[in-house]
C-alpha atoms as a PDB file:
ATOM      1  CA  MET A   1      90.069  82.102  92.017  1.00  0.00           C
ATOM      2  CA  GLU A   2      91.805  81.036  88.826  1.00  0.00           C
ATOM      3  CA  ALA A   3      89.779  80.987  85.688  1.00  0.00           C
ATOM      4  CA  ALA A   4      89.120  77.559  84.204  1.00  0.00           C
ATOM      5  CA  ILE A   5      91.168  76.556  81.246  1.00  0.00           C
ATOM      6  CA  GLU A   6      88.989  76.597  78.091  1.00  0.00           C
ATOM      7  CA  LYS A   7      89.141  73.211  76.389  1.00  0.00           C
ATOM      8  CA  LEU A   8      89.550  73.013  72.623  1.00  0.00           C
ATOM      9  CA  ASP A   9      86.829  70.864  71.174  1.00  0.00           C
ATOM     10  CA  LEU A  10      87.741  70.063  67.535  1.00  0.00           C
ATOM     11  CA  ALA A  11      84.225  68.823  66.810  1.00  0.00           C
ATOM     12  CA  LYS A  12      82.945  72.368  67.496  1.00  0.00           C
ATOM     13  CA  ALA A  13      85.994  74.230  66.182  1.00  0.00           C
ATOM     14  CA  ASP A  14      86.098  72.410  62.838  1.00  0.00           C
ATOM     15  CA  PRO A  15      82.502  71.505  61.732  1.00  0.00           C
ATOM     16  CA  ASN A  16      83.668  71.079  58.127  1.00  0.00           C
ATOM     17  CA  TYR A  17      85.574  68.000  59.368  1.00  0.00           C
ATOM     18  CA  TYR A  18      83.176  66.589  61.960  1.00  0.00           C
ATOM     19  CA  LYS A  19      79.733  67.302  60.496  1.00  0.00           C
ATOM     20  CA  ALA A  20      78.013  65.533  57.599  1.00  0.00           C
ATOM     21  CA  GLY A  21      74.453  65.194  56.366  1.00  0.00           C
ATOM     22  CA  SER A  22      72.383  62.366  54.867  1.00  0.00           C
ATOM     23  CA  LYS A  23      73.320  63.569  51.363  1.00  0.00           C
ATOM     24  CA  PRO A  24      76.937  63.146  50.177  1.00  0.00           C
ATOM     25  CA  LYS A  25      78.938  66.345  50.087  1.00  0.00           C
ATOM     26  CA  LEU A  26      82.337  67.334  48.647  1.00  0.00           C
ATOM     27  CA  VAL A  27      84.674  68.964  51.172  1.00  0.00           C
ATOM     28  CA  ASP A  28      88.230  70.272  51.150  1.00  0.00           C
ATOM     29  CA  LEU A  29      90.312  69.350  54.181  1.00  0.00           C
ATOM     30  CA  ASP A  30      93.800  70.247  55.406  1.00  0.00           C
ATOM     31  CA  ALA A  31      96.693  68.162  56.641  1.00  0.00           C
ATOM     32  CA  TYR A  32      96.444  67.025  60.270  1.00  0.00           C
ATOM     33  CA  TYR A  33      98.520  65.076  62.770  1.00  0.00           C
ATOM     34  CA  TYR A  34      97.010  61.921  64.132  1.00  0.00           C
ATOM     35  CA  LEU A  35      97.765  59.346  66.781  1.00  0.00           C
ATOM     36  CA  SER A  36      97.402  56.057  64.942  1.00  0.00           C
ATOM     37  CA  HIS A  37      97.662  52.317  65.412  1.00  0.00           C
ATOM     38  CA  GLU A  38      97.543  49.755  62.581  1.00  0.00           C
ATOM     39  CA  GLY A  39      96.487  46.148  62.633  1.00  0.00           C
ATOM     40  CA  GLU A  40      94.514  43.496  60.795  1.00  0.00           C
ATOM     41  CA  GLY A  41      91.528  41.244  61.455  1.00  0.00           C
ATOM     42  CA  SER A  42      88.042  41.669  62.767  1.00  0.00           C
ATOM     43  CA  PRO A  43      87.060  44.700  64.899  1.00  0.00           C
ATOM     44  CA  SER A  44      85.672  42.171  67.366  1.00  0.00           C
ATOM     45  CA  ASP A  45      89.154  40.668  67.908  1.00  0.00           C
ATOM     46  CA  GLN A  46      91.095  41.243  71.069  1.00  0.00           C
ATOM     47  CA  ALA A  47      93.828  42.886  68.956  1.00  0.00           C
ATOM     48  CA  PHE A  48      91.463  45.697  67.970  1.00  0.00           C
ATOM     49  CA  ALA A  49      90.335  46.305  71.559  1.00  0.00           C
ATOM     50  CA  LEU A  50      94.018  46.341  72.645  1.00  0.00           C
ATOM     51  CA  ALA A  51      94.864  48.891  69.959  1.00  0.00           C
ATOM     52  CA  ILE A  52      92.115  51.170  71.230  1.00  0.00           C
ATOM     53  CA  GLU A  53      93.382  50.830  74.819  1.00  0.00           C
ATOM     54  CA  ARG A  54      96.913  51.760  73.652  1.00  0.00           C
ATOM     55  CA  LEU A  55      95.710  54.751  71.678  1.00  0.00           C
ATOM     56  CA  TYR A  56      93.650  56.188  74.492  1.00  0.00           C
ATOM     57  CA  ALA A  57      96.388  55.558  77.079  1.00  0.00           C
ATOM     58  CA  VAL A  58      98.675  57.778  75.044  1.00  0.00           C
ATOM     59  CA  VAL A  59      96.155  60.473  74.170  1.00  0.00           C
ATOM     60  CA  TYR A  60      95.176  60.971  77.844  1.00  0.00           C
ATOM     61  CA  GLN A  61      98.841  61.455  78.763  1.00  0.00           C
ATOM     62  CA  ILE A  62      99.153  63.982  75.963  1.00  0.00           C
ATOM     63  CA  LYS A  63      96.070  65.739  77.293  1.00  0.00           C
ATOM     64  CA  PHE A  64      97.612  65.764  80.804  1.00  0.00           C
ATOM     65  CA  LEU A  65     100.828  67.298  79.529  1.00  0.00           C
ATOM     66  CA  CYS A  66      99.002  69.943  77.451  1.00  0.00           C
ATOM     67  CA  LYS A  67      96.689  70.861  80.257  1.00  0.00           C
ATOM     68  CA  ALA A  68      99.702  71.617  82.458  1.00  0.00           C
ATOM     69  CA  GLN A  69     100.635  74.169  79.778  1.00  0.00           C
ATOM     70  CA  ASP A  70      97.173  75.698  79.742  1.00  0.00           C
ATOM     71  CA  MET A  71      96.280  73.963  76.459  1.00  0.00           C
ATOM     72  CA  ASP A  72      93.582  71.498  77.428  1.00  0.00           C
ATOM     73  CA  PHE A  73      91.437  69.762  74.825  1.00  0.00           C
ATOM     74  CA  VAL A  74      88.500  67.400  74.510  1.00  0.00           C
ATOM     75  CA  VAL A  75      89.705  63.945  73.337  1.00  0.00           C
ATOM     76  CA  PRO A  76      88.671  63.852  69.635  1.00  0.00           C
ATOM     77  CA  LYS A  77      86.350  61.363  68.032  1.00  0.00           C
ATOM     78  CA  MET A  78      87.956  58.026  67.013  1.00  0.00           C
ATOM     79  CA  GLU A  79      88.453  57.370  63.323  1.00  0.00           C
ATOM     80  CA  GLY A  80      89.185  54.296  61.335  1.00  0.00           C
ATOM     81  CA  GLN A  81      90.580  53.483  57.930  1.00  0.00           C
ATOM     82  CA  TRP A  82      89.694  50.110  56.399  1.00  0.00           C
ATOM     83  CA  TRP A  83      91.149  48.217  53.426  1.00  0.00           C
ATOM     84  CA  ILE A  84      92.491  44.863  52.257  1.00  0.00           C
ATOM     85  CA  ALA A  85      95.898  43.868  50.925  1.00  0.00           C
ATOM     86  CA  GLY A  86      96.372  45.101  47.398  1.00  0.00           C
ATOM     87  CA  GLY A  87      93.769  47.837  47.375  1.00  0.00           C
ATOM     88  CA  SER A  88      90.806  49.593  48.907  1.00  0.00           C
ATOM     89  CA  GLU A  89      88.032  47.423  47.312  1.00  0.00           C
ATOM     90  CA  VAL A  90      85.492  50.016  48.443  1.00  0.00           C
ATOM     91  CA  GLN A  91      82.364  48.402  47.085  1.00  0.00           C
ATOM     92  CA  HIS A  92      83.135  44.919  48.285  1.00  0.00           C
ATOM     93  CA  LEU A  93      85.284  45.255  51.393  1.00  0.00           C
ATOM     94  CA  PHE A  94      82.527  44.687  53.959  1.00  0.00           C
ATOM     95  CA  THR A  95      80.362  42.305  51.913  1.00  0.00           C
ATOM     96  CA  THR A  96      82.672  39.806  50.251  1.00  0.00           C
ATOM     97  CA  LYS A  97      85.872  39.852  52.248  1.00  0.00           C
ATOM     98  CA  PRO A  98      86.066  37.919  55.524  1.00  0.00           C
ATOM     99  CA  GLU A  99      86.839  40.097  58.533  1.00  0.00           C
ATOM    100  CA  SER A 100      90.064  38.114  59.063  1.00  0.00           C
ATOM    101  CA  GLU A 101      91.403  39.801  55.866  1.00  0.00           C
ATOM    102  CA  TRP A 102      90.496  43.382  56.876  1.00  0.00           C
ATOM    103  CA  LEU A 103      93.350  45.767  57.485  1.00  0.00           C
ATOM    104  CA  TRP A 104      92.766  48.850  59.610  1.00  0.00           C
ATOM    105  CA  LYS A 105      94.245  51.929  61.109  1.00  0.00           C
ATOM    106  CA  ILE A 106      92.487  53.601  64.036  1.00  0.00           C
ATOM    107  CA  MET A 107      93.251  57.261  64.606  1.00  0.00           C
ATOM    108  CA  LEU A 108      92.715  60.274  66.828  1.00  0.00           C
ATOM    109  CA  ARG A 109      93.235  63.722  65.301  1.00  0.00           C
ATOM    110  CA  MET A 110      95.472  65.928  67.390  1.00  0.00           C
ATOM    111  CA  PRO A 111      95.152  69.681  67.999  1.00  0.00           C
ATOM    112  CA  ASP A 112      97.673  71.867  66.246  1.00  0.00           C
ATOM    113  CA  PHE A 113      99.479  72.672  69.492  1.00  0.00           C
ATOM    114  CA  VAL A 114     100.330  68.992  70.143  1.00  0.00           C
ATOM    115  CA  GLU A 115     104.015  68.518  69.265  1.00  0.00           C
ATOM    116  CA  ALA A 116     106.349  65.583  68.855  1.00  0.00           C
ATOM    117  CA  ASP A 117     107.735  66.224  72.344  1.00  0.00           C
ATOM    118  CA  HIS A 118     104.276  65.829  73.870  1.00  0.00           C
ATOM    119  CA  PHE A 119     103.884  62.504  72.092  1.00  0.00           C
ATOM    120  CA  TYR A 120     107.324  61.231  73.135  1.00  0.00           C
ATOM    121  CA  ARG A 121     106.834  62.155  76.737  1.00  0.00           C
ATOM    122  CA  ALA A 122     103.335  60.649  76.808  1.00  0.00           C
ATOM    123  CA  VAL A 123     104.590  57.360  75.463  1.00  0.00           C
ATOM    124  CA  GLN A 124     107.334  57.245  78.100  1.00  0.00           C
ATOM    125  CA  LEU A 125     104.780  57.940  80.838  1.00  0.00           C
ATOM    126  CA  VAL A 126     102.521  55.127  79.608  1.00  0.00           C
ATOM    127  CA  LYS A 127     105.472  52.722  79.445  1.00  0.00           C
ATOM    128  CA  LYS A 128     106.403  53.623  83.017  1.00  0.00           C
ATOM    129  CA  LYS A 129     102.867  53.090  84.317  1.00  0.00           C
ATOM    130  CA  LYS A 130     101.977  50.107  82.141  1.00  0.00           C
ATOM    131  CA  PRO A 131     105.269  48.607  80.916  1.00  0.00           C
ATOM    132  CA  ASP A 132     103.520  45.682  79.084  1.00  0.00           C
ATOM    133  CA  LEU A 133     100.996  47.837  77.156  1.00  0.00           C
ATOM    134  CA  LEU A 134     103.124  49.661  74.542  1.00  0.00           C
ATOM    135  CA  ASP A 135     105.791  48.462  72.119  1.00  0.00           C
ATOM    136  CA  ASP A 136     105.959  51.372  69.644  1.00  0.00           C
ATOM    137  CA  GLN A 137     102.663  50.497  67.957  1.00  0.00           C
ATOM    138  CA  VAL A 138     101.185  53.963  68.511  1.00  0.00           C
ATOM    139  CA  LYS A 139     102.502  56.566  66.041  1.00  0.00           C
ATOM    140  CA  LEU A 140     102.163  60.305  65.593  1.00  0.00           C
ATOM    141  CA  GLN A 141     101.695  60.836  61.856  1.00  0.00           C
ATOM    142  CA  LEU A 142     100.934  63.695  59.504  1.00  0.00           C
ATOM    143  CA  SER A 143      98.205  62.863  56.973  1.00  0.00           C
ATOM    144  CA  LYS A 144      96.954  65.155  54.220  1.00  0.00           C
ATOM    145  CA  ALA A 145      93.203  64.674  53.777  1.00  0.00           C
ATOM    146  CA  GLY A 146      92.689  66.944  50.756  1.00  0.00           C
ATOM    147  CA  ARG A 147      89.415  66.781  48.776  1.00  0.00           C
ATOM    148  CA  ALA A 148      86.928  64.228  50.038  1.00  0.00           C
ATOM    149  CA  VAL A 149      83.308  63.109  49.746  1.00  0.00           C
ATOM    150  CA  GLN A 150      81.544  62.421  53.045  1.00  0.00           C
ATOM    151  CA  VAL A 151      78.074  61.336  54.161  1.00  0.00           C
ATOM    152  CA  LEU A 152      76.514  60.535  57.563  1.00  0.00           C
ATOM    153  CA  HIS A 153      75.456  56.953  58.288  1.00  0.00           C
ATOM    154  CA  LEU A 154      72.854  56.318  60.975  1.00  0.00           C
ATOM    155  CA  GLY A 155      72.610  52.934  62.628  1.00  0.00           C
ATOM    156  CA  SER A 156      74.613  49.721  62.803  1.00  0.00           C
ATOM    157  CA  TYR A 157      78.150  49.504  61.507  1.00  0.00           C
ATOM    158  CA  HIS A 158      77.030  46.275  59.800  1.00  0.00           C
ATOM    159  CA  ALA A 159      74.423  48.111  57.725  1.00  0.00           C
ATOM    160  CA  GLU A 160      76.598  50.685  56.077  1.00  0.00           C
ATOM    161  CA  GLN A 161      76.359  49.322  52.520  1.00  0.00           C
ATOM    162  CA  PRO A 162      73.460  51.566  51.317  1.00  0.00           C
ATOM    163  CA  THR A 163      75.226  54.657  52.677  1.00  0.00           C
ATOM    164  CA  ILE A 164      78.439  53.587  50.989  1.00  0.00           C
ATOM    165  CA  ALA A 165      76.618  53.049  47.730  1.00  0.00           C
ATOM    166  CA  LYS A 166      75.107  56.544  48.042  1.00  0.00           C
ATOM    167  CA  ALA A 167      78.600  58.057  48.433  1.00  0.00           C
ATOM    168  CA  ILE A 168      80.012  56.042  45.484  1.00  0.00           C
ATOM    169  CA  GLN A 169      77.161  57.069  43.281  1.00  0.00           C
ATOM    170  CA  PHE A 170      77.805  60.704  44.088  1.00  0.00           C
ATOM    171  CA  ILE A 171      81.480  60.263  43.358  1.00  0.00           C
ATOM    172  CA  GLN A 172      80.816  58.609  40.002  1.00  0.00           C
ATOM    173  CA  SER A 173      78.146  61.103  38.942  1.00  0.00           C
ATOM    174  CA  ASN A 174      80.591  63.988  39.597  1.00  0.00           C
ATOM    175  CA  ASP A 175      83.398  62.323  37.539  1.00  0.00           C
ATOM    176  CA  LEU A 176      85.595  61.860  40.584  1.00  0.00           C
ATOM    177  CA  GLN A 177      87.924  58.981  41.487  1.00  0.00           C
ATOM    178  CA  ILE A 178      88.475  57.507  44.914  1.00  0.00           C
ATOM    179  CA  ASN A 179      92.167  57.829  45.838  1.00  0.00           C
ATOM    180  CA  ALA A 180      92.155  56.774  49.523  1.00  0.00           C
ATOM    181  CA  TYR A 181      90.948  53.972  51.765  1.00  0.00           C
ATOM    182  CA  HIS A 182      87.463  53.753  53.237  1.00  0.00           C
ATOM    183  CA  LYS A 183      87.378  56.021  56.310  1.00  0.00           C
ATOM    184  CA  GLU A 184      84.930  56.340  59.171  1.00  0.00           C
ATOM    185  CA  ILE A 185      84.628  58.900  61.976  1.00  0.00           C
ATOM    186  CA  TYR A 186      82.717  57.608  64.948  1.00  0.00           C
ATOM    187  CA  LEU A 187      80.649  60.438  66.345  1.00  0.00           C
ATOM    188  CA  THR A 188      78.911  58.336  69.012  1.00  0.00           C
ATOM    189  CA  ASP A 189      80.213  55.863  71.567  1.00  0.00           C
ATOM    190  CA  PRO A 190      78.826  52.327  70.818  1.00  0.00           C
ATOM    191  CA  ARG A 191      79.173  51.463  74.518  1.00  0.00           C
ATOM    192  CA  LYS A 192      76.678  54.190  75.436  1.00  0.00           C
ATOM    193  CA  THR A 193      74.519  54.596  72.330  1.00  0.00           C
ATOM    194  CA  PRO A 194      71.738  52.251  71.018  1.00  0.00           C
ATOM    195  CA  GLU A 195      72.738  50.618  67.773  1.00  0.00           C
ATOM    196  CA  GLU A 196      69.988  52.337  65.794  1.00  0.00           C
ATOM    197  CA  LYS A 197      71.242  55.764  66.946  1.00  0.00           C
ATOM    198  CA  LEU A 198      74.854  55.322  66.105  1.00  0.00           C
ATOM    199  CA  GLN A 199      76.295  58.176  63.926  1.00  0.00           C
ATOM    200  CA  THR A 200      79.251  57.565  61.647  1.00  0.00           C
ATOM    201  CA  ILE A 201      80.724  59.834  58.980  1.00  0.00           C
ATOM    202  CA  ILE A 202      81.806  57.814  55.956  1.00  0.00           C
ATOM    203  CA  ARG A 203      84.536  59.565  53.961  1.00  0.00           C
ATOM    204  CA  TYR A 204      86.481  58.924  50.760  1.00  0.00           C
ATOM    205  CA  GLY A 205      89.404  60.896  49.502  1.00  0.00           C
ATOM    206  CA  VAL A 206      88.834  61.796  45.849  1.00  0.00           C
ATOM    207  CA  ALA A 207      90.557  63.449  42.903  1.00  0.00           C
END
């Protein structure tokens, strides 16, 4: 009997990236490839749901192709960057700006063994199976994370402001400057997790 292929789980393999505590912490991160999809508007809009569908359609085809090469992996946690036109507006983005003005990029970090050919072939497979789903919105992009401050938020996405304030206070007290958009890593699935138990890493690139 053939041995089962060991799946790479990035959440376990890279705890520096996927684990945070209730107190803000400074971390140093590498450059990573991500599947990504950009858009604008409220996360409750159909466009956001469609972007998620597109992203996961591609990642599962990549997983299928990698598994055939004995390189299986657990689909990573979804991430999101949020900003408005003209800047990040970290302190005010979610409290003073209407959701219709939000800009976003949702992302899935890819294992190191995922190559451009896997991505290209996966996109073609999705287009063949669901010809109306994709129109080159999903990208494979390299992003350098660098130094960042991160903190764990527990509870509703709509109640992040105290956690954001905690992170910003830490950044300011350590004479750091935010140099990237507001980023979130969604450790729990909101479809399966009670709102009060949601876990989200909030991260800011700093210099």
